[in-house]
N, C-alpha and C. Protein backbone atom coordinates (compact mmCIF):
# COMPACT_ATOMS: atom_id res chain seq x y z
N UNK A 1 -33.36 18.55 -43.34
CA UNK A 1 -32.15 17.78 -43.03
C UNK A 1 -30.85 18.34 -43.15
N UNK A 2 -30.15 18.69 -41.94
CA UNK A 2 -28.78 19.31 -42.10
C UNK A 2 -27.95 18.32 -42.76
N UNK A 3 -26.89 19.09 -43.56
CA UNK A 3 -25.98 18.29 -44.08
C UNK A 3 -24.50 19.10 -43.55
N UNK A 4 -23.66 18.11 -43.20
CA UNK A 4 -22.33 19.06 -42.58
C UNK A 4 -21.66 19.52 -43.60
N UNK A 5 -21.08 20.40 -43.77
CA UNK A 5 -20.50 20.88 -45.11
C UNK A 5 -18.92 21.48 -44.52
N UNK A 6 -17.69 21.18 -45.24
CA UNK A 6 -16.59 21.55 -45.07
C UNK A 6 -16.60 22.88 -45.66
N UNK A 7 -16.26 24.01 -45.21
CA UNK A 7 -15.99 25.24 -46.12
C UNK A 7 -14.88 24.90 -46.90
N UNK A 8 -13.89 24.11 -46.73
CA UNK A 8 -12.75 24.09 -47.89
C UNK A 8 -13.31 23.12 -48.86
N UNK A 9 -14.29 22.93 -49.23
CA UNK A 9 -14.78 21.96 -50.04
C UNK A 9 -15.75 22.66 -51.01
N UNK A 10 -16.50 23.42 -50.25
CA UNK A 10 -17.56 24.01 -50.96
C UNK A 10 -17.11 25.64 -51.17
N UNK A 11 -17.17 25.84 -52.43
CA UNK A 11 -16.68 27.50 -52.91
C UNK A 11 -17.74 28.70 -52.57
N UNK A 12 -19.35 27.97 -52.38
CA UNK A 12 -19.84 29.14 -52.02
C UNK A 12 -19.60 29.56 -50.68
N UNK A 13 -19.59 28.99 -49.78
CA UNK A 13 -19.04 29.17 -48.12
C UNK A 13 -18.22 30.24 -48.37
N UNK A 14 -17.04 29.69 -49.01
CA UNK A 14 -15.89 30.87 -49.20
C UNK A 14 -16.33 32.14 -49.63
N UNK A 15 -17.43 32.17 -50.72
CA UNK A 15 -17.65 33.12 -51.44
C UNK A 15 -18.71 34.21 -50.39
N UNK A 16 -19.38 33.48 -49.40
CA UNK A 16 -20.35 34.09 -48.55
C UNK A 16 -19.28 34.57 -47.66
N UNK A 17 -18.26 34.09 -47.05
CA UNK A 17 -17.51 34.14 -45.80
C UNK A 17 -16.65 35.85 -46.40
N UNK A 18 -15.82 35.44 -47.67
CA UNK A 18 -15.24 36.67 -48.16
C UNK A 18 -16.26 38.14 -48.33
N UNK A 19 -17.37 37.70 -48.84
CA UNK A 19 -18.37 39.00 -48.78
C UNK A 19 -18.98 39.60 -47.70
N UNK A 20 -19.30 38.59 -46.74
CA UNK A 20 -19.62 39.14 -45.20
C UNK A 20 -18.73 39.99 -44.88
N UNK A 21 -17.15 39.57 -44.94
CA UNK A 21 -16.25 40.21 -44.34
C UNK A 21 -16.02 41.29 -45.14
N UNK A 22 -16.03 41.52 -46.51
CA UNK A 22 -16.23 42.73 -47.18
C UNK A 22 -17.05 43.89 -46.76
N UNK A 23 -18.30 43.24 -46.83
CA UNK A 23 -19.63 44.52 -46.87
C UNK A 23 -19.85 44.84 -45.11
N UNK A 24 -19.65 43.71 -44.19
CA UNK A 24 -19.94 44.34 -42.97
C UNK A 24 -18.97 44.28 -42.24
N UNK A 25 -17.87 43.90 -42.21
CA UNK A 25 -16.59 43.93 -41.40
C UNK A 25 -15.50 45.21 -42.25
N UNK A 26 -15.77 45.34 -43.19
CA UNK A 26 -14.65 46.23 -43.76
C UNK A 26 -13.47 45.62 -43.75
N UNK A 27 -13.73 44.74 -44.35
CA UNK A 27 -12.33 43.68 -44.79
C UNK A 27 -11.95 44.15 -46.13
N UNK A 28 -11.08 45.22 -46.37
CA UNK A 28 -10.78 45.28 -47.86
C UNK A 28 -9.77 44.31 -48.14
N UNK A 29 -9.02 43.91 -47.63
CA UNK A 29 -8.05 42.78 -47.96
C UNK A 29 -8.12 41.68 -48.38
N UNK A 30 -8.62 41.46 -49.46
CA UNK A 30 -9.16 40.34 -50.04
C UNK A 30 -8.02 39.55 -50.67
N UNK A 31 -7.87 38.20 -50.19
CA UNK A 31 -6.72 37.50 -50.56
C UNK A 31 -7.61 36.09 -50.90
N UNK A 32 -7.24 35.49 -52.09
CA UNK A 32 -7.68 33.99 -52.01
C UNK A 32 -6.74 32.91 -52.10
N UNK A 33 -6.92 31.97 -51.21
CA UNK A 33 -5.90 31.12 -51.10
C UNK A 33 -6.26 30.20 -51.80
N UNK A 34 -5.22 29.01 -52.02
CA UNK A 34 -5.32 28.22 -53.22
C UNK A 34 -6.25 27.33 -52.88
N UNK A 35 -7.32 27.03 -53.71
CA UNK A 35 -8.33 26.22 -54.16
C UNK A 35 -8.80 25.72 -55.21
N UNK A 36 -9.63 24.61 -55.39
CA UNK A 36 -9.89 24.04 -57.05
C UNK A 36 -10.56 24.88 -57.62
N UNK A 37 -11.29 25.91 -57.10
CA UNK A 37 -12.30 26.78 -57.59
C UNK A 37 -12.18 28.02 -57.24
N UNK A 38 -10.53 28.26 -57.32
CA UNK A 38 -10.14 29.91 -56.81
C UNK A 38 -10.69 30.69 -58.01
N UNK A 39 -10.72 30.29 -59.47
CA UNK A 39 -11.06 31.53 -60.17
C UNK A 39 -12.82 31.65 -60.15
N UNK A 40 -13.38 30.80 -60.00
CA UNK A 40 -14.75 31.09 -59.66
C UNK A 40 -15.22 31.68 -58.56
N UNK A 41 -14.48 31.34 -57.53
CA UNK A 41 -14.74 32.52 -56.29
C UNK A 41 -14.29 33.52 -56.25
N UNK A 42 -13.11 33.86 -56.74
CA UNK A 42 -12.85 35.18 -57.31
C UNK A 42 -13.48 36.04 -58.05
N UNK A 43 -14.07 35.66 -59.30
CA UNK A 43 -15.09 36.06 -60.23
C UNK A 43 -16.25 36.56 -59.27
N UNK A 44 -16.83 35.66 -58.43
CA UNK A 44 -17.99 36.06 -57.93
C UNK A 44 -17.97 36.99 -56.80
N UNK A 45 -16.70 36.65 -55.98
CA UNK A 45 -16.74 38.06 -54.95
C UNK A 45 -16.50 39.09 -55.69
N UNK A 46 -15.61 39.13 -56.57
CA UNK A 46 -15.04 40.60 -57.14
C UNK A 46 -16.11 41.31 -57.93
N UNK A 47 -16.93 40.29 -58.56
CA UNK A 47 -17.94 41.04 -59.30
C UNK A 47 -19.31 41.19 -58.84
N UNK A 48 -19.38 40.42 -57.54
CA UNK A 48 -20.74 40.97 -56.45
C UNK A 48 -20.08 42.23 -55.81
N UNK A 49 -19.06 42.68 -55.45
CA UNK A 49 -18.37 43.90 -54.82
C UNK A 49 -18.82 45.03 -55.96
N UNK A 50 -18.18 44.76 -57.39
CA UNK A 50 -18.12 45.74 -58.18
C UNK A 50 -19.32 46.51 -58.73
N UNK A 51 -20.38 44.94 -58.76
CA UNK A 51 -21.57 45.35 -59.25
C UNK A 51 -22.70 45.59 -57.99
N UNK A 52 -22.36 45.93 -56.99
CA UNK A 52 -23.38 45.71 -55.72
C UNK A 52 -24.45 46.94 -56.25
N UNK A 53 -24.49 48.00 -56.57
CA UNK A 53 -25.26 48.73 -56.91
C UNK A 53 -26.57 48.38 -58.17
N UNK A 54 -25.70 47.68 -59.32
CA UNK A 54 -26.52 46.90 -59.81
C UNK A 54 -27.58 45.97 -59.32
N UNK A 55 -27.03 45.23 -58.37
CA UNK A 55 -27.56 44.15 -58.03
C UNK A 55 -28.89 44.66 -57.09
N UNK A 56 -28.53 45.87 -56.40
CA UNK A 56 -29.36 46.26 -55.37
C UNK A 56 -30.41 47.03 -56.28
N UNK A 57 -30.37 47.37 -57.31
CA UNK A 57 -31.11 47.97 -58.63
C UNK A 57 -32.24 46.70 -58.85
N UNK A 58 -31.62 45.75 -59.35
CA UNK A 58 -32.48 44.50 -59.62
C UNK A 58 -33.32 44.09 -58.64
N UNK A 59 -32.85 44.21 -57.34
CA UNK A 59 -33.73 43.83 -55.98
C UNK A 59 -34.78 45.02 -56.29
N UNK A 60 -34.60 46.05 -56.18
CA UNK A 60 -35.44 47.11 -56.48
C UNK A 60 -36.50 46.76 -57.38
N UNK A 61 -36.09 46.81 -58.32
CA UNK A 61 -36.74 46.47 -59.93
C UNK A 61 -37.95 45.51 -59.73
N UNK A 62 -37.40 44.41 -59.13
CA UNK A 62 -38.30 42.89 -59.23
C UNK A 62 -38.67 42.67 -57.99
N UNK A 63 -38.23 43.07 -56.96
CA UNK A 63 -38.53 42.74 -55.76
C UNK A 63 -39.07 43.66 -54.76
N UNK A 64 -39.00 44.95 -54.97
CA UNK A 64 -39.49 46.25 -54.01
C UNK A 64 -40.80 45.63 -53.08
N UNK A 65 -41.72 44.89 -53.54
CA UNK A 65 -42.80 45.10 -52.79
C UNK A 65 -42.86 43.94 -51.83
N UNK A 66 -41.82 42.95 -52.17
CA UNK A 66 -41.81 41.51 -51.29
C UNK A 66 -40.76 41.80 -50.48
N UNK A 67 -39.42 42.31 -51.10
CA UNK A 67 -38.35 42.02 -50.19
C UNK A 67 -37.33 43.35 -50.18
N UNK A 68 -37.00 43.72 -48.98
CA UNK A 68 -36.26 44.81 -48.84
C UNK A 68 -35.00 44.26 -48.20
N UNK A 69 -33.78 44.51 -48.66
CA UNK A 69 -32.75 43.91 -48.44
C UNK A 69 -32.25 44.34 -47.14
N UNK A 70 -32.82 45.56 -46.68
CA UNK A 70 -32.16 46.33 -45.44
C UNK A 70 -32.99 45.21 -44.31
N UNK A 71 -33.89 44.77 -44.36
CA UNK A 71 -34.66 44.13 -43.47
C UNK A 71 -34.33 42.84 -43.17
N UNK A 72 -33.49 42.30 -43.94
CA UNK A 72 -32.84 40.97 -43.80
C UNK A 72 -31.97 40.79 -43.03
N UNK A 73 -31.37 39.67 -42.46
CA UNK A 73 -30.17 39.58 -41.55
C UNK A 73 -28.81 39.49 -42.57
N UNK A 74 -27.82 40.00 -41.90
CA UNK A 74 -26.80 40.23 -42.89
C UNK A 74 -26.51 39.16 -43.58
N UNK A 75 -26.43 38.14 -43.09
CA UNK A 75 -25.99 36.69 -43.93
C UNK A 75 -27.06 36.37 -45.15
N UNK A 76 -28.19 36.73 -44.72
CA UNK A 76 -29.13 36.88 -45.76
C UNK A 76 -29.03 37.71 -47.16
N UNK A 77 -28.60 38.91 -46.53
CA UNK A 77 -28.13 39.62 -47.62
C UNK A 77 -26.92 39.45 -48.28
N UNK A 78 -25.86 38.84 -47.93
CA UNK A 78 -25.04 38.41 -48.51
C UNK A 78 -25.24 37.41 -49.49
N UNK A 79 -25.95 36.39 -49.17
CA UNK A 79 -26.33 35.07 -50.06
C UNK A 79 -27.31 35.52 -50.92
N UNK A 80 -28.31 36.28 -50.92
CA UNK A 80 -29.18 37.02 -52.02
C UNK A 80 -28.28 37.87 -52.95
N UNK A 81 -27.51 38.56 -52.15
CA UNK A 81 -26.26 39.42 -53.35
C UNK A 81 -25.76 38.31 -54.42
N UNK A 82 -24.93 37.89 -53.51
CA UNK A 82 -24.08 36.77 -54.63
C UNK A 82 -24.62 35.70 -55.88
N UNK A 83 -26.17 35.18 -55.14
CA UNK A 83 -26.93 34.50 -56.14
C UNK A 83 -27.50 35.62 -56.99
N UNK A 84 -27.91 36.53 -56.71
CA UNK A 84 -28.21 37.61 -58.06
C UNK A 84 -27.22 37.47 -58.72
N UNK A 85 -26.05 37.98 -58.47
CA UNK A 85 -24.83 38.28 -59.33
C UNK A 85 -24.93 36.86 -60.17
N UNK A 86 -24.64 35.41 -59.71
CA UNK A 86 -24.53 34.32 -60.51
C UNK A 86 -25.82 34.39 -61.26
N UNK A 87 -26.89 34.69 -61.27
CA UNK A 87 -28.15 34.77 -61.89
C UNK A 87 -27.97 35.63 -63.04
N UNK A 88 -27.40 36.46 -62.90
CA UNK A 88 -27.29 37.83 -63.87
C UNK A 88 -25.94 37.54 -65.09
N UNK A 89 -24.86 37.07 -64.56
CA UNK A 89 -23.57 36.86 -64.82
C UNK A 89 -23.11 35.71 -65.27
N UNK A 90 -23.86 34.87 -64.73
CA UNK A 90 -23.19 33.14 -65.06
C UNK A 90 -24.36 32.74 -65.51
N UNK A 91 -24.80 32.85 -67.06
CA UNK A 91 -25.79 32.25 -67.86
C UNK A 91 -25.50 30.75 -68.17
N UNK A 92 -24.41 30.11 -67.96
CA UNK A 92 -24.31 28.90 -68.30
C UNK A 92 -24.43 27.78 -67.17
N UNK A 93 -24.54 28.43 -65.96
CA UNK A 93 -25.18 27.74 -64.57
C UNK A 93 -26.48 27.73 -64.48
N UNK A 94 -27.13 26.65 -64.47
CA UNK A 94 -28.56 26.30 -64.31
C UNK A 94 -28.78 27.15 -62.82
N UNK A 95 -30.34 27.90 -62.83
CA UNK A 95 -30.82 28.22 -62.24
C UNK A 95 -31.13 27.10 -60.67
N UNK A 96 -31.24 26.20 -60.93
CA UNK A 96 -31.27 25.33 -59.87
C UNK A 96 -30.22 24.70 -59.08
N UNK A 97 -29.01 24.55 -59.87
CA UNK A 97 -27.72 24.25 -59.49
C UNK A 97 -27.15 25.67 -58.34
N UNK A 98 -27.43 26.86 -58.89
CA UNK A 98 -27.22 28.09 -58.18
C UNK A 98 -27.89 27.86 -56.59
N UNK A 99 -29.26 27.69 -56.70
CA UNK A 99 -30.01 27.73 -55.56
C UNK A 99 -29.89 26.63 -54.58
N UNK A 100 -29.52 25.35 -55.24
CA UNK A 100 -29.09 24.40 -54.42
C UNK A 100 -27.92 24.39 -53.63
N UNK A 101 -26.78 25.08 -54.21
CA UNK A 101 -25.51 24.96 -53.53
C UNK A 101 -25.61 26.18 -52.84
N UNK A 102 -26.43 27.27 -53.03
CA UNK A 102 -26.69 28.37 -51.98
C UNK A 102 -27.15 27.72 -50.79
N UNK A 103 -28.37 26.96 -50.73
CA UNK A 103 -29.03 26.44 -49.72
C UNK A 103 -27.85 25.33 -49.17
N UNK A 104 -27.04 24.87 -49.53
CA UNK A 104 -26.27 23.75 -49.01
C UNK A 104 -25.30 24.58 -48.22
N UNK A 105 -24.87 25.73 -48.90
CA UNK A 105 -23.85 26.43 -47.91
C UNK A 105 -24.35 27.21 -46.80
N UNK A 106 -25.74 27.53 -47.04
CA UNK A 106 -26.23 28.41 -46.01
C UNK A 106 -26.69 27.29 -44.63
N UNK A 107 -26.52 25.93 -44.92
CA UNK A 107 -26.65 24.86 -43.78
C UNK A 107 -25.52 25.52 -42.71
N UNK A 108 -24.79 25.84 -43.34
CA UNK A 108 -23.22 25.94 -42.32
C UNK A 108 -23.58 27.17 -41.44
N UNK A 109 -24.37 28.18 -41.98
CA UNK A 109 -24.67 29.48 -41.17
C UNK A 109 -25.93 29.72 -40.54
N UNK A 110 -27.08 29.02 -41.39
CA UNK A 110 -28.51 29.08 -40.91
C UNK A 110 -29.23 27.74 -40.19
N UNK A 111 -30.32 27.97 -39.45
CA UNK A 111 -30.92 26.80 -39.14
C UNK A 111 -32.37 26.60 -40.28
N UNK A 112 -32.52 25.20 -39.85
CA UNK A 112 -33.65 24.71 -41.23
C UNK A 112 -34.46 25.79 -41.59
N UNK A 113 -35.43 26.10 -40.49
CA UNK A 113 -36.64 27.33 -41.23
C UNK A 113 -35.79 28.31 -41.80
N UNK A 114 -34.71 29.05 -41.49
CA UNK A 114 -34.25 30.24 -42.22
C UNK A 114 -34.01 29.77 -43.72
N UNK A 115 -33.59 28.20 -43.71
CA UNK A 115 -33.26 27.99 -45.02
C UNK A 115 -34.13 27.80 -45.75
N UNK A 116 -35.18 27.53 -45.31
CA UNK A 116 -36.50 27.19 -46.22
C UNK A 116 -37.10 28.71 -46.60
N UNK A 117 -36.70 29.51 -45.63
CA UNK A 117 -37.34 30.89 -46.13
C UNK A 117 -36.47 31.22 -47.45
N UNK A 118 -35.22 30.96 -47.38
CA UNK A 118 -34.17 31.52 -48.22
C UNK A 118 -34.44 30.48 -49.50
N UNK A 119 -34.50 29.24 -49.29
CA UNK A 119 -35.05 28.68 -50.63
C UNK A 119 -36.22 29.68 -51.28
N UNK A 120 -37.50 30.16 -50.68
CA UNK A 120 -38.41 30.53 -51.36
C UNK A 120 -38.11 32.23 -51.96
N UNK A 121 -36.91 32.83 -51.33
CA UNK A 121 -36.68 33.69 -51.70
C UNK A 121 -35.61 33.72 -53.08
N UNK A 122 -34.62 32.75 -53.12
CA UNK A 122 -34.18 32.43 -54.00
C UNK A 122 -34.73 31.99 -55.49
N UNK A 123 -35.65 31.23 -54.73
CA UNK A 123 -36.64 30.79 -56.12
C UNK A 123 -37.69 32.05 -56.57
N UNK A 124 -38.05 32.77 -55.92
CA UNK A 124 -38.87 34.05 -56.58
C UNK A 124 -37.98 34.86 -57.30
N UNK A 125 -36.73 35.26 -56.91
CA UNK A 125 -35.83 36.18 -57.54
C UNK A 125 -35.30 35.56 -58.80
N UNK A 126 -34.96 34.17 -58.86
CA UNK A 126 -34.45 33.36 -59.90
C UNK A 126 -35.60 33.70 -60.79
N UNK A 127 -36.88 33.31 -60.65
CA UNK A 127 -37.94 33.50 -61.72
C UNK A 127 -38.06 34.78 -62.08
N UNK A 128 -37.74 35.52 -61.41
CA UNK A 128 -38.41 37.17 -61.99
C UNK A 128 -36.86 37.53 -62.78
N UNK A 129 -35.68 37.25 -62.26
CA UNK A 129 -34.39 37.81 -62.88
C UNK A 129 -34.20 36.94 -64.37
N UNK A 130 -34.13 35.90 -64.21
CA UNK A 130 -33.92 34.86 -65.52
C UNK A 130 -34.94 34.77 -66.42
N UNK A 131 -36.26 35.40 -66.09
CA UNK A 131 -37.16 35.05 -67.18
C UNK A 131 -37.33 36.37 -67.76
N UNK A 132 -36.96 37.47 -67.02
CA UNK A 132 -37.05 38.94 -67.24
C UNK A 132 -35.39 39.48 -68.37
N UNK A 133 -34.41 38.65 -67.73
CA UNK A 133 -33.46 39.31 -68.56
C UNK A 133 -32.53 38.34 -69.21
N UNK A 134 -32.90 38.21 -70.59
CA UNK A 134 -32.14 37.38 -71.53
C UNK A 134 -30.88 37.98 -71.62
N UNK A 135 -31.06 39.11 -71.81
CA UNK A 135 -29.66 40.09 -72.03
C UNK A 135 -29.55 41.15 -70.86
N UNK A 136 -28.44 41.50 -70.63
CA UNK A 136 -28.55 42.28 -69.49
C UNK A 136 -28.01 43.88 -69.89
N UNK A 137 -29.00 44.56 -69.86
CA UNK A 137 -28.73 46.05 -70.37
C UNK A 137 -28.72 46.96 -69.13
N UNK A 138 -27.71 47.69 -69.29
CA UNK A 138 -27.25 48.83 -67.95
C UNK A 138 -27.22 49.93 -68.71
N UNK A 139 -27.62 51.03 -68.20
CA UNK A 139 -27.42 52.37 -68.83
C UNK A 139 -26.00 52.64 -68.63
N UNK A 140 -25.71 53.87 -69.42
CA UNK A 140 -24.50 53.96 -69.24
C UNK A 140 -23.88 55.07 -68.14
N UNK A 141 -24.97 55.54 -67.53
CA UNK A 141 -24.69 56.31 -65.95
C UNK A 141 -24.18 55.54 -65.16
N UNK A 142 -25.17 54.24 -64.89
CA UNK A 142 -25.09 53.21 -63.91
C UNK A 142 -23.75 52.64 -64.06
N UNK A 143 -23.49 52.29 -65.17
CA UNK A 143 -22.26 51.48 -65.79
C UNK A 143 -20.70 52.52 -65.12
N UNK A 144 -21.20 53.55 -65.61
CA UNK A 144 -19.61 54.45 -65.29
C UNK A 144 -19.80 54.57 -63.81
N UNK A 145 -20.63 54.55 -62.99
CA UNK A 145 -20.64 54.79 -61.56
C UNK A 145 -19.94 53.55 -60.99
N UNK A 146 -20.35 52.65 -61.44
CA UNK A 146 -20.15 51.05 -61.02
C UNK A 146 -18.88 50.55 -61.10
N UNK A 147 -18.29 50.56 -62.74
CA UNK A 147 -17.12 50.04 -63.17
C UNK A 147 -15.96 51.13 -63.06
N UNK A 148 -14.85 50.62 -63.31
CA UNK A 148 -13.68 51.41 -63.46
C UNK A 148 -13.86 51.59 -64.92
N UNK A 149 -12.96 52.31 -65.84
CA UNK A 149 -12.58 52.05 -67.14
C UNK A 149 -12.19 51.01 -67.58
N UNK A 150 -12.49 50.41 -68.66
CA UNK A 150 -11.65 49.64 -69.55
C UNK A 150 -12.02 47.97 -68.75
N UNK A 151 -12.52 47.71 -67.63
CA UNK A 151 -13.22 46.82 -67.06
C UNK A 151 -13.71 45.55 -67.86
N UNK A 152 -13.41 44.35 -67.95
CA UNK A 152 -13.93 43.72 -68.39
C UNK A 152 -15.37 42.88 -67.60
N UNK A 153 -15.83 41.90 -68.24
CA UNK A 153 -17.13 41.30 -67.52
C UNK A 153 -16.31 40.25 -67.02
N UNK A 154 -16.57 39.67 -66.11
CA UNK A 154 -16.04 38.00 -65.44
C UNK A 154 -16.60 36.83 -66.34
N UNK A 155 -15.84 36.28 -67.02
CA UNK A 155 -16.22 35.17 -68.10
C UNK A 155 -17.47 35.55 -68.66
N UNK A 156 -17.47 36.62 -69.06
CA UNK A 156 -18.71 36.85 -70.07
C UNK A 156 -18.15 36.78 -71.46
N UNK A 157 -18.54 35.71 -72.15
CA UNK A 157 -18.25 35.77 -73.47
C UNK A 157 -19.36 36.05 -74.31
N UNK A 158 -20.77 35.95 -73.74
CA UNK A 158 -21.81 36.14 -74.48
C UNK A 158 -22.28 37.67 -74.61
N UNK A 159 -21.64 38.55 -73.75
CA UNK A 159 -21.60 39.95 -74.16
C UNK A 159 -20.42 40.68 -73.81
N UNK A 160 -20.43 42.04 -74.09
CA UNK A 160 -19.56 42.42 -73.73
C UNK A 160 -19.95 44.15 -74.09
N UNK A 161 -19.16 45.31 -72.75
CA UNK A 161 -19.37 46.29 -73.15
C UNK A 161 -18.36 47.11 -73.96
N UNK A 162 -18.89 48.01 -74.64
CA UNK A 162 -17.59 48.80 -75.42
C UNK A 162 -18.04 50.02 -75.42
N UNK A 163 -17.03 50.80 -74.97
CA UNK A 163 -17.37 52.38 -74.65
C UNK A 163 -16.20 52.82 -75.58
């Protein structure tokens, strides 16, 4: 059952649009208009862009036999990347909430059978990532390639990198 969503009310629709523009349209000018969830939207968008290599590594480590990101539609790639970012770096947000919100947002972009497939993908990813990564450990080499010096983690009060 499709539910109509207004992109101005659903922050994950805005996240998907911004990431799609950045990854596939070379839209490097990221501006965030006034929204009641502006900080959350900005954190997820910028965090997903900065941690793109780490997210790809997570997909390779946990889902290499099941899922190739390059074989998925572009909108699927964006949704999966942003959901993985939230699974890894937003521990206070429940897995079920993340999946439900991205499925609701996907109704704006995808048909029902594709949404069901996305549900299966996100559920499998969530089980593997959230169960295996109570804490996120990143080797220093990958960290230095991905992040600028003195970069703080977005809203991460539960862990910190000190170099």
